All heavy atoms as atom14 arrays in JSON, in Angstrom:
{
  "sequence": "YLGTMSSDYGNQQGHDLDALDGYVSTGNASSVVSGR",
  "atom14_mask": [
    [1, 1, 1, 1, 1, 1, 1, 1, 1, 1, 1, 1, 0, 0],
    [1, 1, 1, 1, 1, 1, 1, 1, 0, 0, 0, 0, 0, 0],
    [1, 1, 1, 1, 0, 0, 0, 0, 0, 0, 0, 0, 0, 0],
    [1, 1, 1, 1, 1, 1, 1, 0, 0, 0, 0, 0, 0, 0],
    [1, 1, 1, 1, 1, 1, 1, 1, 0, 0, 0, 0, 0, 0],
    [1, 1, 1, 1, 1, 1, 0, 0, 0, 0, 0, 0, 0, 0],
    [1, 1, 1, 1, 1, 1, 0, 0, 0, 0, 0, 0, 0, 0],
    [1, 1, 1, 1, 1, 1, 1, 1, 0, 0, 0, 0, 0, 0],
    [1, 1, 1, 1, 1, 1, 1, 1, 1, 1, 1, 1, 0, 0],
    [1, 1, 1, 1, 0, 0, 0, 0, 0, 0, 0, 0, 0, 0],
    [1, 1, 1, 1, 1, 1, 1, 1, 0, 0, 0, 0, 0, 0],
    [1, 1, 1, 1, 1, 1, 1, 1, 1, 0, 0, 0, 0, 0],
    [1, 1, 1, 1, 1, 1, 1, 1, 1, 0, 0, 0, 0, 0],
    [1, 1, 1, 1, 0, 0, 0, 0, 0, 0, 0, 0, 0, 0],
    [1, 1, 1, 1, 1, 1, 1, 1, 1, 1, 0, 0, 0, 0],
    [1, 1, 1, 1, 1, 1, 1, 1, 0, 0, 0, 0, 0, 0],
    [1, 1, 1, 1, 1, 1, 1, 1, 0, 0, 0, 0, 0, 0],
    [1, 1, 1, 1, 1, 1, 1, 1, 0, 0, 0, 0, 0, 0],
    [1, 1, 1, 1, 1, 0, 0, 0, 0, 0, 0, 0, 0, 0],
    [1, 1, 1, 1, 1, 1, 1, 1, 0, 0, 0, 0, 0, 0],
    [1, 1, 1, 1, 1, 1, 1, 1, 0, 0, 0, 0, 0, 0],
    [1, 1, 1, 1, 0, 0, 0, 0, 0, 0, 0, 0, 0, 0],
    [1, 1, 1, 1, 1, 1, 1, 1, 1, 1, 1, 1, 0, 0],
    [1, 1, 1, 1, 1, 1, 1, 0, 0, 0, 0, 0, 0, 0],
    [1, 1, 1, 1, 1, 1, 0, 0, 0, 0, 0, 0, 0, 0],
    [1, 1, 1, 1, 1, 1, 1, 0, 0, 0, 0, 0, 0, 0],
    [1, 1, 1, 1, 0, 0, 0, 0, 0, 0, 0, 0, 0, 0],
    [1, 1, 1, 1, 1, 1, 1, 1, 0, 0, 0, 0, 0, 0],
    [1, 1, 1, 1, 1, 0, 0, 0, 0, 0, 0, 0, 0, 0],
    [1, 1, 1, 1, 1, 1, 0, 0, 0, 0, 0, 0, 0, 0],
    [1, 1, 1, 1, 1, 1, 0, 0, 0, 0, 0, 0, 0, 0],
    [1, 1, 1, 1, 1, 1, 1, 0, 0, 0, 0, 0, 0, 0],
    [1, 1, 1, 1, 1, 1, 1, 0, 0, 0, 0, 0, 0, 0],
    [1, 1, 1, 1, 1, 1, 0, 0, 0, 0, 0, 0, 0, 0],
    [1, 1, 1, 1, 0, 0, 0, 0, 0, 0, 0, 0, 0, 0],
    [1, 1, 1, 1, 1, 1, 1, 1, 1, 1, 1, 0, 0, 0]
  ],
  "atom14_positions": [
    [[52.97, 31.72, 70.07], [52.54, 30.61, 70.92], [51.36, 31.1, 71.75], [51.52, 31.93, 72.65], [53.68, 30.15, 71.83], [54.85, 29.58, 71.06], [55.81, 30.41, 70.5], [54.98, 28.2, 70.88], [56.87, 29.89, 69.77], [56.04, 27.68, 70.17], [56.98, 28.52, 69.61], [58.03, 27.99, 68.89], [0.0, 0.0, 0.0], [0.0, 0.0, 0.0]],
    [[50.17, 30.61, 71.44], [48.97, 31.11, 72.08], [48.13, 29.99, 72.68], [47.87, 28.97, 72.03], [48.12, 31.9, 71.07], [48.73, 33.2, 70.56], [47.86, 33.8, 69.47], [48.92, 34.19, 71.69], [0.0, 0.0, 0.0], [0.0, 0.0, 0.0], [0.0, 0.0, 0.0], [0.0, 0.0, 0.0], [0.0, 0.0, 0.0], [0.0, 0.0, 0.0]],
    [[47.71, 30.2, 73.91], [46.8, 29.28, 74.55], [45.37, 29.7, 74.29], [45.05, 30.89, 74.34], [0.0, 0.0, 0.0], [0.0, 0.0, 0.0], [0.0, 0.0, 0.0], [0.0, 0.0, 0.0], [0.0, 0.0, 0.0], [0.0, 0.0, 0.0], [0.0, 0.0, 0.0], [0.0, 0.0, 0.0], [0.0, 0.0, 0.0], [0.0, 0.0, 0.0]],
    [[44.52, 28.76, 74.0], [43.12, 29.1, 73.73], [42.23, 27.92, 74.12], [42.71, 26.81, 74.33], [42.92, 29.43, 72.24], [41.57, 29.86, 72.02], [43.18, 28.21, 71.37], [0.0, 0.0, 0.0], [0.0, 0.0, 0.0], [0.0, 0.0, 0.0], [0.0, 0.0, 0.0], [0.0, 0.0, 0.0], [0.0, 0.0, 0.0], [0.0, 0.0, 0.0]],
    [[40.97, 28.2, 74.24], [39.99, 27.15, 74.53], [38.81, 27.34, 73.59], [38.5, 28.46, 73.19], [39.53, 27.21, 75.99], [40.65, 26.95, 76.99], [40.16, 27.13, 78.71], [39.03, 25.76, 78.9], [0.0, 0.0, 0.0], [0.0, 0.0, 0.0], [0.0, 0.0, 0.0], [0.0, 0.0, 0.0], [0.0, 0.0, 0.0], [0.0, 0.0, 0.0]],
    [[38.17, 26.25, 73.25], [37.04, 26.33, 72.33], [35.89, 27.07, 72.98], [35.74, 27.1, 74.2], [36.6, 24.92, 71.92], [36.22, 24.18, 73.07], [0.0, 0.0, 0.0], [0.0, 0.0, 0.0], [0.0, 0.0, 0.0], [0.0, 0.0, 0.0], [0.0, 0.0, 0.0], [0.0, 0.0, 0.0], [0.0, 0.0, 0.0], [0.0, 0.0, 0.0]],
    [[35.08, 27.71, 72.14], [33.92, 28.43, 72.65], [32.71, 28.05, 71.8], [32.82, 27.34, 70.8], [34.15, 29.94, 72.57], [34.06, 30.39, 71.22], [0.0, 0.0, 0.0], [0.0, 0.0, 0.0], [0.0, 0.0, 0.0], [0.0, 0.0, 0.0], [0.0, 0.0, 0.0], [0.0, 0.0, 0.0], [0.0, 0.0, 0.0], [0.0, 0.0, 0.0]],
    [[31.56, 28.54, 72.22], [30.34, 28.23, 71.47], [29.9, 29.42, 70.61], [28.75, 29.52, 70.24], [29.21, 27.83, 72.43], [28.88, 28.95, 73.42], [29.59, 29.97, 73.41], [27.93, 28.79, 74.19], [0.0, 0.0, 0.0], [0.0, 0.0, 0.0], [0.0, 0.0, 0.0], [0.0, 0.0, 0.0], [0.0, 0.0, 0.0], [0.0, 0.0, 0.0]],
    [[30.86, 30.3, 70.28], [30.51, 31.48, 69.49], [29.87, 31.09, 68.17], [28.89, 31.7, 67.74], [31.75, 32.34, 69.24], [31.46, 33.58, 68.41], [30.8, 34.66, 68.98], [31.82, 33.66, 67.07], [30.52, 35.8, 68.23], [31.55, 34.78, 66.32], [30.91, 35.85, 66.91], [30.62, 36.97, 66.15], [0.0, 0.0, 0.0], [0.0, 0.0, 0.0]],
    [[30.42, 30.07, 67.51], [29.86, 29.66, 66.23], [28.43, 29.2, 66.34], [27.63, 29.39, 65.42], [0.0, 0.0, 0.0], [0.0, 0.0, 0.0], [0.0, 0.0, 0.0], [0.0, 0.0, 0.0], [0.0, 0.0, 0.0], [0.0, 0.0, 0.0], [0.0, 0.0, 0.0], [0.0, 0.0, 0.0], [0.0, 0.0, 0.0], [0.0, 0.0, 0.0]],
    [[28.07, 28.61, 67.49], [26.7, 28.13, 67.67], [25.7, 29.27, 67.83], [24.5, 29.07, 67.63], [26.63, 27.23, 68.91], [27.46, 25.98, 68.76], [27.69, 25.51, 67.64], [27.94, 25.44, 69.87], [0.0, 0.0, 0.0], [0.0, 0.0, 0.0], [0.0, 0.0, 0.0], [0.0, 0.0, 0.0], [0.0, 0.0, 0.0], [0.0, 0.0, 0.0]],
    [[26.21, 30.45, 68.19], [25.31, 31.58, 68.4], [24.94, 32.27, 67.09], [24.11, 33.18, 67.09], [25.97, 32.61, 69.33], [26.49, 32.03, 70.64], [25.43, 31.25, 71.39], [24.3, 31.7, 71.53], [25.8, 30.08, 71.88], [0.0, 0.0, 0.0], [0.0, 0.0, 0.0], [0.0, 0.0, 0.0], [0.0, 0.0, 0.0], [0.0, 0.0, 0.0]],
    [[25.55, 31.84, 66.0], [25.27, 32.49, 64.72], [24.15, 31.81, 63.94], [23.9, 32.15, 62.79], [26.55, 32.53, 63.88], [27.68, 33.28, 64.56], [28.91, 33.36, 63.69], [28.88, 33.95, 62.61], [30.0, 32.77, 64.15], [0.0, 0.0, 0.0], [0.0, 0.0, 0.0], [0.0, 0.0, 0.0], [0.0, 0.0, 0.0], [0.0, 0.0, 0.0]],
    [[23.51, 30.86, 64.58], [22.39, 30.2, 63.92], [22.84, 29.07, 63.03], [24.02, 28.79, 62.89], [0.0, 0.0, 0.0], [0.0, 0.0, 0.0], [0.0, 0.0, 0.0], [0.0, 0.0, 0.0], [0.0, 0.0, 0.0], [0.0, 0.0, 0.0], [0.0, 0.0, 0.0], [0.0, 0.0, 0.0], [0.0, 0.0, 0.0], [0.0, 0.0, 0.0]],
    [[21.91, 28.43, 62.4], [22.21, 27.26, 61.57], [21.72, 27.47, 60.13], [21.43, 26.54, 59.42], [21.55, 26.02, 62.17], [22.03, 25.72, 63.56], [23.24, 25.13, 63.82], [21.46, 25.96, 64.77], [23.4, 25.0, 65.13], [22.35, 25.5, 65.73], [0.0, 0.0, 0.0], [0.0, 0.0, 0.0], [0.0, 0.0, 0.0], [0.0, 0.0, 0.0]],
    [[21.66, 28.75, 59.72], [21.29, 29.07, 58.36], [22.39, 28.59, 57.42], [23.55, 28.97, 57.55], [21.08, 30.58, 58.22], [20.56, 30.97, 56.84], [20.42, 30.07, 55.99], [20.3, 32.17, 56.63], [0.0, 0.0, 0.0], [0.0, 0.0, 0.0], [0.0, 0.0, 0.0], [0.0, 0.0, 0.0], [0.0, 0.0, 0.0], [0.0, 0.0, 0.0]],
    [[22.02, 27.76, 56.46], [23.02, 27.22, 55.53], [23.71, 28.32, 54.75], [24.89, 28.18, 54.39], [22.36, 26.23, 54.57], [21.89, 24.91, 55.18], [21.21, 24.05, 54.12], [23.06, 24.15, 55.79], [0.0, 0.0, 0.0], [0.0, 0.0, 0.0], [0.0, 0.0, 0.0], [0.0, 0.0, 0.0], [0.0, 0.0, 0.0], [0.0, 0.0, 0.0]],
    [[23.03, 29.43, 54.5], [23.64, 30.53, 53.75], [24.79, 31.16, 54.53], [25.67, 31.81, 53.96], [22.6, 31.61, 53.42], [21.55, 31.1, 52.44], [21.89, 30.17, 51.67], [20.42, 31.61, 52.44], [0.0, 0.0, 0.0], [0.0, 0.0, 0.0], [0.0, 0.0, 0.0], [0.0, 0.0, 0.0], [0.0, 0.0, 0.0], [0.0, 0.0, 0.0]],
    [[24.76, 31.0, 55.86], [25.8, 31.61, 56.7], [27.01, 30.7, 56.88], [28.04, 31.14, 57.38], [25.23, 31.96, 58.07], [0.0, 0.0, 0.0], [0.0, 0.0, 0.0], [0.0, 0.0, 0.0], [0.0, 0.0, 0.0], [0.0, 0.0, 0.0], [0.0, 0.0, 0.0], [0.0, 0.0, 0.0], [0.0, 0.0, 0.0], [0.0, 0.0, 0.0]],
    [[26.89, 29.46, 56.45], [27.99, 28.5, 56.63], [28.97, 28.59, 55.47], [28.94, 27.8, 54.53], [27.42, 27.08, 56.75], [26.54, 26.83, 57.97], [26.02, 25.4, 57.96], [27.31, 27.09, 59.26], [0.0, 0.0, 0.0], [0.0, 0.0, 0.0], [0.0, 0.0, 0.0], [0.0, 0.0, 0.0], [0.0, 0.0, 0.0], [0.0, 0.0, 0.0]],
    [[29.85, 29.6, 55.52], [30.87, 29.75, 54.49], [32.24, 29.44, 55.09], [32.36, 29.0, 56.22], [30.83, 31.16, 53.89], [30.95, 32.24, 54.97], [31.46, 31.92, 56.07], [30.54, 33.38, 54.71], [0.0, 0.0, 0.0], [0.0, 0.0, 0.0], [0.0, 0.0, 0.0], [0.0, 0.0, 0.0], [0.0, 0.0, 0.0], [0.0, 0.0, 0.0]],
    [[33.28, 29.68, 54.31], [34.63, 29.39, 54.79], [35.04, 30.21, 55.98], [35.87, 29.78, 56.79], [0.0, 0.0, 0.0], [0.0, 0.0, 0.0], [0.0, 0.0, 0.0], [0.0, 0.0, 0.0], [0.0, 0.0, 0.0], [0.0, 0.0, 0.0], [0.0, 0.0, 0.0], [0.0, 0.0, 0.0], [0.0, 0.0, 0.0], [0.0, 0.0, 0.0]],
    [[34.46, 31.38, 56.12], [34.81, 32.24, 57.25], [34.36, 31.64, 58.58], [35.01, 31.83, 59.61], [34.17, 33.62, 57.09], [34.7, 34.43, 55.93], [33.86, 35.25, 55.19], [36.05, 34.37, 55.56], [34.33, 36.0, 54.12], [36.53, 35.1, 54.5], [35.66, 35.93, 53.78], [36.14, 36.66, 52.73], [0.0, 0.0, 0.0], [0.0, 0.0, 0.0]],
    [[33.26, 30.94, 58.56], [32.74, 30.35, 59.8], [33.69, 29.27, 60.32], [33.99, 29.21, 61.52], [31.33, 29.75, 59.58], [30.87, 28.99, 60.82], [30.34, 30.86, 59.25], [0.0, 0.0, 0.0], [0.0, 0.0, 0.0], [0.0, 0.0, 0.0], [0.0, 0.0, 0.0], [0.0, 0.0, 0.0], [0.0, 0.0, 0.0], [0.0, 0.0, 0.0]],
    [[34.2, 28.44, 59.43], [35.08, 27.35, 59.86], [36.4, 27.88, 60.4], [36.87, 27.47, 61.46], [35.32, 26.38, 58.71], [35.93, 27.04, 57.6], [0.0, 0.0, 0.0], [0.0, 0.0, 0.0], [0.0, 0.0, 0.0], [0.0, 0.0, 0.0], [0.0, 0.0, 0.0], [0.0, 0.0, 0.0], [0.0, 0.0, 0.0], [0.0, 0.0, 0.0]],
    [[37.03, 28.81, 59.67], [38.31, 29.35, 60.14], [38.12, 30.31, 61.32], [38.99, 30.41, 62.19], [39.05, 30.1, 59.02], [38.21, 31.14, 58.51], [39.4, 29.14, 57.89], [0.0, 0.0, 0.0], [0.0, 0.0, 0.0], [0.0, 0.0, 0.0], [0.0, 0.0, 0.0], [0.0, 0.0, 0.0], [0.0, 0.0, 0.0], [0.0, 0.0, 0.0]],
    [[36.98, 30.97, 61.35], [36.74, 31.94, 62.41], [36.45, 31.31, 63.76], [36.57, 31.98, 64.79], [0.0, 0.0, 0.0], [0.0, 0.0, 0.0], [0.0, 0.0, 0.0], [0.0, 0.0, 0.0], [0.0, 0.0, 0.0], [0.0, 0.0, 0.0], [0.0, 0.0, 0.0], [0.0, 0.0, 0.0], [0.0, 0.0, 0.0], [0.0, 0.0, 0.0]],
    [[36.08, 30.03, 63.76], [35.72, 29.38, 65.01], [36.61, 28.19, 65.36], [36.37, 27.52, 66.36], [34.26, 28.93, 64.95], [33.31, 30.1, 64.95], [32.95, 30.62, 66.0], [32.89, 30.54, 63.77], [0.0, 0.0, 0.0], [0.0, 0.0, 0.0], [0.0, 0.0, 0.0], [0.0, 0.0, 0.0], [0.0, 0.0, 0.0], [0.0, 0.0, 0.0]],
    [[37.63, 27.96, 64.56], [38.59, 26.89, 64.87], [39.68, 27.45, 65.77], [40.4, 28.37, 65.38], [39.19, 26.33, 63.59], [0.0, 0.0, 0.0], [0.0, 0.0, 0.0], [0.0, 0.0, 0.0], [0.0, 0.0, 0.0], [0.0, 0.0, 0.0], [0.0, 0.0, 0.0], [0.0, 0.0, 0.0], [0.0, 0.0, 0.0], [0.0, 0.0, 0.0]],
    [[39.78, 26.93, 66.98], [40.77, 27.45, 67.92], [42.2, 27.26, 67.39], [43.1, 28.02, 67.72], [40.62, 26.78, 69.28], [40.77, 25.37, 69.17], [0.0, 0.0, 0.0], [0.0, 0.0, 0.0], [0.0, 0.0, 0.0], [0.0, 0.0, 0.0], [0.0, 0.0, 0.0], [0.0, 0.0, 0.0], [0.0, 0.0, 0.0], [0.0, 0.0, 0.0]],
    [[42.39, 26.25, 66.55], [43.73, 25.98, 66.01], [44.23, 27.12, 65.12], [45.43, 27.25, 64.89], [43.71, 24.68, 65.21], [42.75, 24.74, 64.17], [0.0, 0.0, 0.0], [0.0, 0.0, 0.0], [0.0, 0.0, 0.0], [0.0, 0.0, 0.0], [0.0, 0.0, 0.0], [0.0, 0.0, 0.0], [0.0, 0.0, 0.0], [0.0, 0.0, 0.0]],
    [[43.31, 27.94, 64.64], [43.67, 29.0, 63.7], [44.23, 30.23, 64.4], [44.88, 31.07, 63.78], [42.42, 29.39, 62.85], [42.69, 30.59, 61.97], [41.97, 28.2, 62.0], [0.0, 0.0, 0.0], [0.0, 0.0, 0.0], [0.0, 0.0, 0.0], [0.0, 0.0, 0.0], [0.0, 0.0, 0.0], [0.0, 0.0, 0.0], [0.0, 0.0, 0.0]],
    [[44.03, 30.35, 65.71], [44.34, 31.59, 66.43], [45.79, 32.03, 66.21], [46.05, 33.19, 65.86], [44.05, 31.43, 67.93], [44.51, 32.66, 68.69], [42.58, 31.2, 68.16], [0.0, 0.0, 0.0], [0.0, 0.0, 0.0], [0.0, 0.0, 0.0], [0.0, 0.0, 0.0], [0.0, 0.0, 0.0], [0.0, 0.0, 0.0], [0.0, 0.0, 0.0]],
    [[46.75, 31.15, 66.43], [48.16, 31.54, 66.28], [48.49, 31.85, 64.82], [49.23, 32.79, 64.53], [49.08, 30.44, 66.81], [48.84, 29.21, 66.13], [0.0, 0.0, 0.0], [0.0, 0.0, 0.0], [0.0, 0.0, 0.0], [0.0, 0.0, 0.0], [0.0, 0.0, 0.0], [0.0, 0.0, 0.0], [0.0, 0.0, 0.0], [0.0, 0.0, 0.0]],
    [[47.95, 31.06, 63.91], [48.19, 31.29, 62.49], [47.61, 32.61, 62.03], [48.15, 33.26, 61.13], [0.0, 0.0, 0.0], [0.0, 0.0, 0.0], [0.0, 0.0, 0.0], [0.0, 0.0, 0.0], [0.0, 0.0, 0.0], [0.0, 0.0, 0.0], [0.0, 0.0, 0.0], [0.0, 0.0, 0.0], [0.0, 0.0, 0.0], [0.0, 0.0, 0.0]],
    [[46.5, 33.01, 62.63], [45.88, 34.29, 62.28], [46.85, 35.44, 62.57], [47.0, 36.36, 61.77], [44.6, 34.47, 63.09], [43.89, 35.79, 62.9], [43.03, 35.84, 61.68], [41.85, 35.0, 61.8], [40.9, 34.94, 60.84], [41.02, 35.64, 59.73], [39.85, 34.16, 61.0], [0.0, 0.0, 0.0], [0.0, 0.0, 0.0], [0.0, 0.0, 0.0]]
  ]
}
């Protein structure tokens, strides 16, 4: 059971389409924290 808040970390990685893989979505979704 983990409390978390959204951050803008994903926005700091730029908007290069080559960088937008599956890791970006799971790595920046706060809902994933407990499941991780």
